[in-house]
């Protein structure tokens, strides 16, 4: 595939572990607490992040051990990406699954890990760690759907 980048011609299932990891844009949104309505299955995002998320760098502080430290931490796989309707449309895994290109701010396109933050897509300065919140009462932290879907400010 001369001239094409791996994400332009490979399916998620065909990615090497290194390619898979570099596809993550570093937004941190998958590390937000989400609430699922039992009657409808509708998922709401909150602005409360996992205690392991570095809220400035938007990366896990214990990535290799996260599943051991956080019992409900999900390790994304190609199969899981296709089932996770809660992944935001900005997510590179979801975009590739849906046949959409990576946006200009994605580090693989821009060449910089800062553009995801510059574009306002990441959680930098927009979330609070669960260590400061009563996680049994997350309703006050629900983010409007148009905000998390559109990549806008989580503090709106």
N, C-alpha and C. Protein backbone atom coordinates (compact mmCIF):
# COMPACT_ATOMS: atom_id res chain seq x y z
N UNK A 1 0.83 -1.19 0.00
CA UNK A 1 0.00 0.00 0.00
C UNK A 1 0.87 1.25 0.00
N UNK A 2 1.51 1.51 -1.10
CA UNK A 2 2.42 2.64 -1.17
C UNK A 2 1.68 3.96 -0.96
N UNK A 3 2.24 4.78 -0.09
CA UNK A 3 1.67 6.08 0.17
C UNK A 3 0.55 6.11 1.18
N UNK A 4 -0.03 4.99 1.47
CA UNK A 4 -1.14 4.96 2.45
C UNK A 4 -0.59 4.64 3.83
N UNK A 5 -1.22 5.23 4.81
CA UNK A 5 -0.88 4.97 6.20
C UNK A 5 -1.68 3.76 6.68
N UNK A 6 -1.17 3.05 7.69
CA UNK A 6 -1.79 1.79 8.12
C UNK A 6 -3.28 1.93 8.43
N UNK A 7 -3.68 3.04 9.02
CA UNK A 7 -5.09 3.22 9.40
C UNK A 7 -5.99 3.47 8.19
N UNK A 8 -5.38 3.74 7.05
CA UNK A 8 -6.15 4.00 5.84
C UNK A 8 -6.50 2.73 5.06
N UNK A 9 -5.80 1.63 5.35
CA UNK A 9 -6.08 0.41 4.61
C UNK A 9 -6.28 -0.83 5.47
N UNK A 10 -5.95 -0.75 6.75
CA UNK A 10 -6.12 -1.91 7.61
C UNK A 10 -7.43 -1.84 8.38
N UNK A 11 -8.02 -2.99 8.61
CA UNK A 11 -9.16 -3.10 9.52
C UNK A 11 -8.62 -3.11 10.94
N UNK A 12 -9.46 -2.79 11.90
CA UNK A 12 -9.01 -2.81 13.29
C UNK A 12 -8.42 -4.16 13.67
N UNK A 13 -9.02 -5.23 13.17
CA UNK A 13 -8.56 -6.59 13.50
C UNK A 13 -7.17 -6.89 12.95
N UNK A 14 -6.72 -6.12 11.97
CA UNK A 14 -5.44 -6.36 11.31
C UNK A 14 -4.29 -5.55 11.91
N UNK A 15 -4.60 -4.65 12.84
CA UNK A 15 -3.57 -3.80 13.42
C UNK A 15 -2.63 -4.59 14.32
N UNK A 16 -1.36 -4.24 14.28
CA UNK A 16 -0.39 -4.79 15.23
C UNK A 16 -0.65 -4.14 16.58
N UNK A 17 -0.14 -4.71 17.66
CA UNK A 17 -0.32 -4.06 18.96
C UNK A 17 0.22 -2.62 18.98
N UNK A 18 1.32 -2.37 18.33
CA UNK A 18 1.88 -1.01 18.29
C UNK A 18 0.96 -0.07 17.51
N UNK A 19 0.47 -0.52 16.36
CA UNK A 19 -0.45 0.29 15.58
C UNK A 19 -1.73 0.58 16.37
N UNK A 20 -2.22 -0.43 17.07
CA UNK A 20 -3.43 -0.26 17.88
C UNK A 20 -3.22 0.85 18.90
N UNK A 21 -2.11 0.80 19.61
CA UNK A 21 -1.84 1.79 20.66
C UNK A 21 -1.65 3.18 20.08
N UNK A 22 -1.00 3.31 18.92
CA UNK A 22 -0.78 4.64 18.35
C UNK A 22 -2.07 5.23 17.78
N UNK A 23 -3.06 4.39 17.54
CA UNK A 23 -4.33 4.89 17.03
C UNK A 23 -5.09 5.68 18.10
N UNK A 24 -4.83 5.39 19.36
CA UNK A 24 -5.47 6.15 20.44
C UNK A 24 -5.02 7.60 20.34
N UNK A 25 -5.99 8.53 20.34
CA UNK A 25 -5.65 9.94 20.19
C UNK A 25 -5.28 10.62 21.51
N UNK A 26 -5.48 9.93 22.64
CA UNK A 26 -5.11 10.51 23.92
C UNK A 26 -6.10 11.52 24.45
N UNK A 27 -7.37 11.38 24.09
CA UNK A 27 -8.37 12.34 24.58
C UNK A 27 -8.79 12.04 26.01
N UNK A 28 -8.77 10.77 26.41
CA UNK A 28 -9.15 10.38 27.77
C UNK A 28 -10.64 10.17 27.97
N UNK A 29 -11.45 10.41 26.96
CA UNK A 29 -12.91 10.33 27.12
C UNK A 29 -13.39 8.93 27.48
N UNK A 30 -12.68 7.90 27.07
CA UNK A 30 -13.12 6.55 27.43
C UNK A 30 -12.94 6.30 28.93
N UNK A 31 -12.17 7.14 29.59
CA UNK A 31 -11.93 6.99 31.03
C UNK A 31 -12.92 7.76 31.90
N UNK A 32 -13.91 8.36 31.27
CA UNK A 32 -14.95 9.05 32.03
C UNK A 32 -15.96 8.05 32.56
N UNK A 33 -16.52 8.33 33.72
CA UNK A 33 -17.62 7.52 34.23
C UNK A 33 -18.84 7.77 33.36
N UNK A 34 -19.54 6.70 33.08
CA UNK A 34 -20.74 6.78 32.27
C UNK A 34 -21.89 6.17 33.05
N UNK A 35 -23.09 6.68 32.83
CA UNK A 35 -24.28 6.15 33.48
C UNK A 35 -25.18 5.55 32.41
N UNK A 36 -25.68 4.35 32.66
CA UNK A 36 -26.58 3.71 31.71
C UNK A 36 -27.96 3.59 32.32
N UNK A 37 -28.95 4.10 31.61
CA UNK A 37 -30.34 4.00 32.06
C UNK A 37 -30.79 2.55 31.93
N UNK A 38 -31.26 1.98 33.02
CA UNK A 38 -31.65 0.57 33.01
C UNK A 38 -32.85 0.30 32.11
N UNK A 39 -33.75 1.27 31.99
CA UNK A 39 -34.95 1.05 31.18
C UNK A 39 -34.73 1.23 29.69
N UNK A 40 -33.85 2.17 29.30
CA UNK A 40 -33.65 2.45 27.87
C UNK A 40 -32.29 2.01 27.34
N UNK A 41 -31.33 1.82 28.23
CA UNK A 41 -29.98 1.49 27.80
C UNK A 41 -29.19 2.72 27.36
N UNK A 42 -29.83 3.89 27.43
CA UNK A 42 -29.16 5.12 27.03
C UNK A 42 -27.98 5.40 27.96
N UNK A 43 -26.86 5.80 27.37
CA UNK A 43 -25.64 6.07 28.13
C UNK A 43 -25.40 7.57 28.20
N UNK A 44 -25.12 8.04 29.41
CA UNK A 44 -24.77 9.44 29.63
C UNK A 44 -23.34 9.51 30.12
N UNK A 45 -22.58 10.44 29.56
CA UNK A 45 -21.23 10.69 30.04
C UNK A 45 -21.30 11.62 31.24
N UNK A 46 -20.30 11.50 32.11
CA UNK A 46 -20.13 12.47 33.19
C UNK A 46 -18.76 13.12 33.01
N UNK A 47 -18.52 14.16 33.75
CA UNK A 47 -17.20 14.81 33.70
C UNK A 47 -16.28 14.26 34.78
N UNK A 48 -16.61 13.09 35.30
CA UNK A 48 -15.81 12.45 36.35
C UNK A 48 -14.95 11.36 35.72
N UNK A 49 -13.64 11.47 35.92
CA UNK A 49 -12.69 10.55 35.31
C UNK A 49 -12.17 9.53 36.31
N UNK A 50 -11.75 8.42 35.78
CA UNK A 50 -11.09 7.37 36.57
C UNK A 50 -9.93 7.97 37.34
N UNK A 51 -9.72 7.46 38.52
CA UNK A 51 -8.65 7.99 39.38
C UNK A 51 -7.26 7.77 38.80
N UNK A 52 -7.13 6.85 37.84
CA UNK A 52 -5.82 6.59 37.23
C UNK A 52 -5.51 7.52 36.07
N UNK A 53 -6.48 8.31 35.64
CA UNK A 53 -6.25 9.19 34.49
C UNK A 53 -5.49 10.44 34.91
N UNK A 54 -4.40 10.70 34.22
CA UNK A 54 -3.67 11.95 34.38
C UNK A 54 -4.50 13.01 33.66
N UNK A 55 -5.09 13.91 34.40
CA UNK A 55 -6.03 14.87 33.82
C UNK A 55 -5.37 15.95 32.97
N UNK A 56 -4.06 16.07 33.02
CA UNK A 56 -3.37 17.01 32.14
C UNK A 56 -2.93 16.31 30.86
N UNK A 57 -2.26 15.18 31.01
CA UNK A 57 -1.76 14.45 29.85
C UNK A 57 -2.81 13.58 29.18
N UNK A 58 -3.89 13.30 29.91
CA UNK A 58 -5.01 12.48 29.42
C UNK A 58 -4.57 11.07 29.05
N UNK A 59 -3.68 10.54 29.83
CA UNK A 59 -3.23 9.16 29.67
C UNK A 59 -3.30 8.47 31.04
N UNK A 60 -3.46 7.17 31.00
CA UNK A 60 -3.53 6.39 32.23
C UNK A 60 -2.18 6.39 32.94
N UNK A 61 -2.21 6.62 34.24
CA UNK A 61 -0.99 6.64 35.04
C UNK A 61 -0.48 5.24 35.35
N UNK A 62 -1.31 4.22 35.10
CA UNK A 62 -0.91 2.83 35.38
C UNK A 62 -1.43 1.92 34.26
N UNK A 63 -1.16 2.33 33.03
CA UNK A 63 -1.76 1.67 31.86
C UNK A 63 -1.57 0.15 31.86
N UNK A 64 -0.36 -0.32 32.11
CA UNK A 64 -0.09 -1.75 32.05
C UNK A 64 -0.86 -2.54 33.11
N UNK A 65 -1.14 -1.91 34.24
CA UNK A 65 -1.80 -2.59 35.35
C UNK A 65 -3.24 -2.15 35.58
N UNK A 66 -3.79 -1.35 34.68
CA UNK A 66 -5.10 -0.73 34.91
C UNK A 66 -6.20 -1.74 35.17
N UNK A 67 -6.21 -2.85 34.44
CA UNK A 67 -7.28 -3.84 34.62
C UNK A 67 -7.18 -4.53 35.97
N UNK A 68 -5.99 -4.60 36.52
CA UNK A 68 -5.81 -5.19 37.85
C UNK A 68 -6.22 -4.20 38.94
N UNK A 69 -6.00 -2.93 38.70
CA UNK A 69 -6.27 -1.90 39.70
C UNK A 69 -7.71 -1.40 39.69
N UNK A 70 -8.35 -1.44 38.52
CA UNK A 70 -9.72 -0.95 38.36
C UNK A 70 -10.56 -2.11 37.83
N UNK A 71 -11.41 -2.66 38.67
CA UNK A 71 -12.13 -3.89 38.33
C UNK A 71 -13.00 -3.78 37.09
N UNK A 72 -13.55 -2.59 36.82
CA UNK A 72 -14.43 -2.48 35.65
C UNK A 72 -13.77 -1.75 34.47
N UNK A 73 -12.45 -1.65 34.49
CA UNK A 73 -11.73 -1.05 33.37
C UNK A 73 -11.82 -1.99 32.17
N UNK A 74 -12.18 -1.44 31.04
CA UNK A 74 -12.29 -2.23 29.82
C UNK A 74 -11.04 -2.07 28.97
N UNK A 75 -10.55 -3.17 28.45
CA UNK A 75 -9.47 -3.13 27.49
C UNK A 75 -10.11 -3.19 26.11
N UNK A 76 -9.98 -2.09 25.37
CA UNK A 76 -10.61 -2.06 24.05
C UNK A 76 -9.97 -3.06 23.11
N UNK A 77 -10.81 -3.75 22.40
CA UNK A 77 -10.42 -4.68 21.35
C UNK A 77 -11.26 -4.35 20.13
N UNK A 78 -10.89 -4.84 18.96
CA UNK A 78 -11.74 -4.59 17.79
C UNK A 78 -13.19 -5.03 18.01
N UNK A 79 -13.38 -6.18 18.62
CA UNK A 79 -14.75 -6.67 18.86
C UNK A 79 -15.49 -5.75 19.83
N UNK A 80 -14.81 -5.30 20.86
CA UNK A 80 -15.44 -4.44 21.85
C UNK A 80 -15.77 -3.06 21.26
N UNK A 81 -14.91 -2.54 20.40
CA UNK A 81 -15.16 -1.24 19.77
C UNK A 81 -16.47 -1.29 19.01
N UNK A 82 -16.73 -2.39 18.33
CA UNK A 82 -17.98 -2.49 17.55
C UNK A 82 -19.22 -2.56 18.43
N UNK A 83 -19.05 -2.94 19.70
CA UNK A 83 -20.16 -3.04 20.64
C UNK A 83 -20.34 -1.78 21.49
N UNK A 84 -19.30 -0.99 21.60
CA UNK A 84 -19.31 0.17 22.50
C UNK A 84 -19.94 1.38 21.84
N UNK A 85 -21.24 1.47 21.94
CA UNK A 85 -21.95 2.61 21.37
C UNK A 85 -21.64 3.90 22.12
N UNK A 86 -21.03 3.77 23.28
CA UNK A 86 -20.71 4.94 24.09
C UNK A 86 -19.40 5.61 23.68
N UNK A 87 -18.62 4.98 22.79
CA UNK A 87 -17.41 5.66 22.34
C UNK A 87 -17.80 6.90 21.55
N UNK A 88 -17.19 8.04 21.85
CA UNK A 88 -17.59 9.26 21.14
C UNK A 88 -17.23 9.18 19.66
N UNK A 89 -17.95 9.90 18.82
CA UNK A 89 -17.66 9.89 17.38
C UNK A 89 -16.25 10.39 17.05
N UNK A 90 -15.62 11.09 17.99
CA UNK A 90 -14.26 11.58 17.78
C UNK A 90 -13.22 10.48 17.95
N UNK A 91 -13.59 9.36 18.57
CA UNK A 91 -12.66 8.27 18.88
C UNK A 91 -12.11 7.66 17.59
N UNK A 92 -10.79 7.57 17.50
CA UNK A 92 -10.14 7.04 16.30
C UNK A 92 -10.54 5.59 16.03
N UNK A 93 -10.70 4.78 17.07
CA UNK A 93 -11.10 3.39 16.86
C UNK A 93 -12.48 3.33 16.22
N UNK A 94 -13.38 4.15 16.72
CA UNK A 94 -14.73 4.19 16.16
C UNK A 94 -14.71 4.73 14.72
N UNK A 95 -13.93 5.78 14.50
CA UNK A 95 -13.84 6.37 13.16
C UNK A 95 -13.34 5.35 12.14
N UNK A 96 -12.30 4.61 12.50
CA UNK A 96 -11.75 3.61 11.58
C UNK A 96 -12.77 2.51 11.34
N UNK A 97 -13.42 2.05 12.39
CA UNK A 97 -14.46 1.02 12.26
C UNK A 97 -15.55 1.47 11.29
N UNK A 98 -15.91 2.74 11.35
CA UNK A 98 -16.98 3.29 10.52
C UNK A 98 -16.50 3.76 9.14
N UNK A 99 -15.20 3.57 8.86
CA UNK A 99 -14.67 3.97 7.56
C UNK A 99 -14.46 5.46 7.40
N UNK A 100 -14.36 6.19 8.51
CA UNK A 100 -14.15 7.63 8.46
C UNK A 100 -12.68 7.96 8.66
N UNK A 101 -12.20 9.04 8.07
CA UNK A 101 -10.78 9.40 8.22
C UNK A 101 -10.49 9.97 9.61
N UNK A 102 -9.23 9.98 9.94
CA UNK A 102 -8.81 10.63 11.18
C UNK A 102 -8.87 12.14 10.98
N UNK A 103 -9.26 12.89 12.00
CA UNK A 103 -9.34 14.35 11.88
C UNK A 103 -7.96 15.00 11.94
N UNK A 104 -7.90 16.26 11.59
CA UNK A 104 -6.65 17.00 11.53
C UNK A 104 -5.90 17.02 12.85
N UNK A 105 -6.63 16.98 13.98
CA UNK A 105 -6.01 17.10 15.29
C UNK A 105 -5.46 15.78 15.82
N UNK A 106 -5.75 14.68 15.15
CA UNK A 106 -5.24 13.39 15.62
C UNK A 106 -3.71 13.40 15.52
N UNK A 107 -3.02 12.92 16.56
CA UNK A 107 -1.55 12.93 16.54
C UNK A 107 -0.92 12.24 15.33
N UNK A 108 -1.56 11.21 14.79
CA UNK A 108 -1.00 10.56 13.61
C UNK A 108 -1.09 11.44 12.36
N UNK A 109 -2.01 12.38 12.35
CA UNK A 109 -2.15 13.31 11.23
C UNK A 109 -1.30 14.57 11.48
N UNK A 110 -1.42 15.13 12.68
CA UNK A 110 -0.74 16.40 12.98
C UNK A 110 0.74 16.23 13.30
N UNK A 111 1.11 15.05 13.78
CA UNK A 111 2.49 14.83 14.20
C UNK A 111 2.77 15.32 15.61
N UNK A 112 1.72 15.75 16.31
CA UNK A 112 1.90 16.27 17.67
C UNK A 112 0.82 15.72 18.59
N UNK A 113 1.22 15.31 19.78
CA UNK A 113 0.24 14.84 20.76
C UNK A 113 -0.53 16.00 21.39
N UNK A 114 -0.13 17.23 21.11
CA UNK A 114 -0.79 18.40 21.69
C UNK A 114 -2.04 18.84 20.93
N UNK A 115 -2.17 18.46 19.66
CA UNK A 115 -3.29 18.98 18.87
C UNK A 115 -4.64 18.49 19.36
N UNK A 116 -4.71 17.29 19.96
CA UNK A 116 -5.97 16.81 20.52
C UNK A 116 -6.42 17.72 21.66
N UNK A 117 -5.47 18.28 22.36
CA UNK A 117 -5.77 19.22 23.45
C UNK A 117 -6.09 20.61 22.86
N UNK A 118 -5.29 21.03 21.89
CA UNK A 118 -5.50 22.34 21.25
C UNK A 118 -6.89 22.43 20.63
N UNK A 119 -7.37 21.32 20.08
CA UNK A 119 -8.68 21.29 19.42
C UNK A 119 -9.83 21.21 20.42
N UNK A 120 -9.52 21.03 21.69
CA UNK A 120 -10.56 20.95 22.71
C UNK A 120 -11.25 19.60 22.79
N UNK A 121 -10.65 18.57 22.21
CA UNK A 121 -11.24 17.24 22.20
C UNK A 121 -10.94 16.49 23.50
N UNK A 122 -9.78 16.74 24.07
CA UNK A 122 -9.35 15.98 25.24
C UNK A 122 -10.02 16.48 26.53
N UNK A 123 -9.76 15.75 27.59
CA UNK A 123 -10.29 16.10 28.91
C UNK A 123 -9.44 17.12 29.65
N UNK A 124 -8.35 17.54 29.07
CA UNK A 124 -7.47 18.49 29.76
C UNK A 124 -8.27 19.69 30.26
N UNK A 125 -8.19 19.94 31.56
CA UNK A 125 -8.87 21.06 32.22
C UNK A 125 -10.40 20.97 32.14
N UNK A 126 -10.95 19.78 31.91
CA UNK A 126 -12.40 19.65 31.73
C UNK A 126 -13.03 18.59 32.61
N UNK A 127 -12.25 17.85 33.35
CA UNK A 127 -12.80 16.75 34.15
C UNK A 127 -12.26 16.82 35.56
N UNK A 128 -12.90 16.05 36.42
CA UNK A 128 -12.48 15.95 37.82
C UNK A 128 -12.22 14.47 38.10
N UNK A 129 -11.24 14.19 38.91
CA UNK A 129 -10.95 12.81 39.28
C UNK A 129 -12.01 12.27 40.23
N UNK A 130 -12.29 11.00 40.08
CA UNK A 130 -13.27 10.35 40.95
C UNK A 130 -12.86 10.39 42.42
N UNK A 131 -11.61 10.64 42.71
CA UNK A 131 -11.19 10.67 44.12
C UNK A 131 -11.79 11.86 44.85
N UNK A 132 -12.29 12.85 44.11
CA UNK A 132 -12.87 14.05 44.72
C UNK A 132 -14.40 14.06 44.66
N UNK A 133 -15.00 12.96 44.23
CA UNK A 133 -16.44 12.93 43.95
C UNK A 133 -17.07 11.70 44.60
N UNK A 134 -18.31 11.84 45.01
CA UNK A 134 -19.09 10.69 45.46
C UNK A 134 -19.59 9.97 44.21
N UNK A 135 -18.96 8.87 43.87
CA UNK A 135 -19.30 8.17 42.63
C UNK A 135 -20.66 7.47 42.70
N UNK A 136 -21.30 7.49 43.85
CA UNK A 136 -22.66 6.98 43.95
C UNK A 136 -23.69 8.05 43.58
N UNK A 137 -23.22 9.27 43.35
CA UNK A 137 -24.11 10.37 42.98
C UNK A 137 -23.46 11.16 41.83
N UNK A 138 -23.52 10.59 40.64
CA UNK A 138 -22.88 11.21 39.48
C UNK A 138 -23.83 12.07 38.64
N UNK A 139 -25.11 12.06 38.96
CA UNK A 139 -26.07 12.83 38.17
C UNK A 139 -25.68 14.30 38.00
N UNK A 140 -25.17 14.97 39.04
CA UNK A 140 -24.80 16.38 38.85
C UNK A 140 -23.67 16.60 37.84
N UNK A 141 -22.98 15.53 37.49
CA UNK A 141 -21.82 15.64 36.60
C UNK A 141 -22.13 15.20 35.16
N UNK A 142 -23.39 14.93 34.86
CA UNK A 142 -23.75 14.48 33.52
C UNK A 142 -23.47 15.59 32.51
N UNK A 143 -22.86 15.21 31.40
CA UNK A 143 -22.52 16.14 30.33
C UNK A 143 -23.60 16.05 29.26
N UNK A 144 -24.08 17.16 28.74
CA UNK A 144 -25.07 17.11 27.66
C UNK A 144 -24.51 16.32 26.46
N UNK A 145 -25.35 15.51 25.84
CA UNK A 145 -24.91 14.64 24.75
C UNK A 145 -24.27 15.42 23.61
N UNK A 146 -24.81 16.57 23.26
CA UNK A 146 -24.24 17.32 22.14
C UNK A 146 -22.81 17.77 22.43
N UNK A 147 -22.46 17.90 23.70
CA UNK A 147 -21.11 18.30 24.06
C UNK A 147 -20.14 17.15 23.85
N UNK A 148 -20.43 15.95 24.41
CA UNK A 148 -19.46 14.86 24.25
C UNK A 148 -19.45 14.31 22.84
N UNK A 149 -20.54 14.38 22.14
CA UNK A 149 -20.55 13.91 20.75
C UNK A 149 -19.80 14.85 19.82
N UNK A 150 -19.93 16.13 20.08
CA UNK A 150 -19.34 17.11 19.18
C UNK A 150 -17.93 17.52 19.50
N UNK A 151 -17.43 17.05 20.63
CA UNK A 151 -16.07 17.41 20.99
C UNK A 151 -15.96 18.79 21.60
N UNK A 152 -17.08 19.34 22.03
CA UNK A 152 -17.07 20.67 22.63
C UNK A 152 -16.59 20.65 24.06
N UNK A 153 -16.78 21.74 24.72
CA UNK A 153 -16.32 21.90 26.09
C UNK A 153 -17.16 21.05 27.04
N UNK A 154 -16.52 20.28 27.87
CA UNK A 154 -17.21 19.43 28.83
C UNK A 154 -17.77 20.25 29.97
N UNK A 155 -17.33 21.47 30.09
CA UNK A 155 -17.81 22.31 31.19
C UNK A 155 -19.00 23.15 30.81
N UNK A 156 -19.51 22.99 29.60
CA UNK A 156 -20.68 23.78 29.16
C UNK A 156 -21.90 23.46 29.96
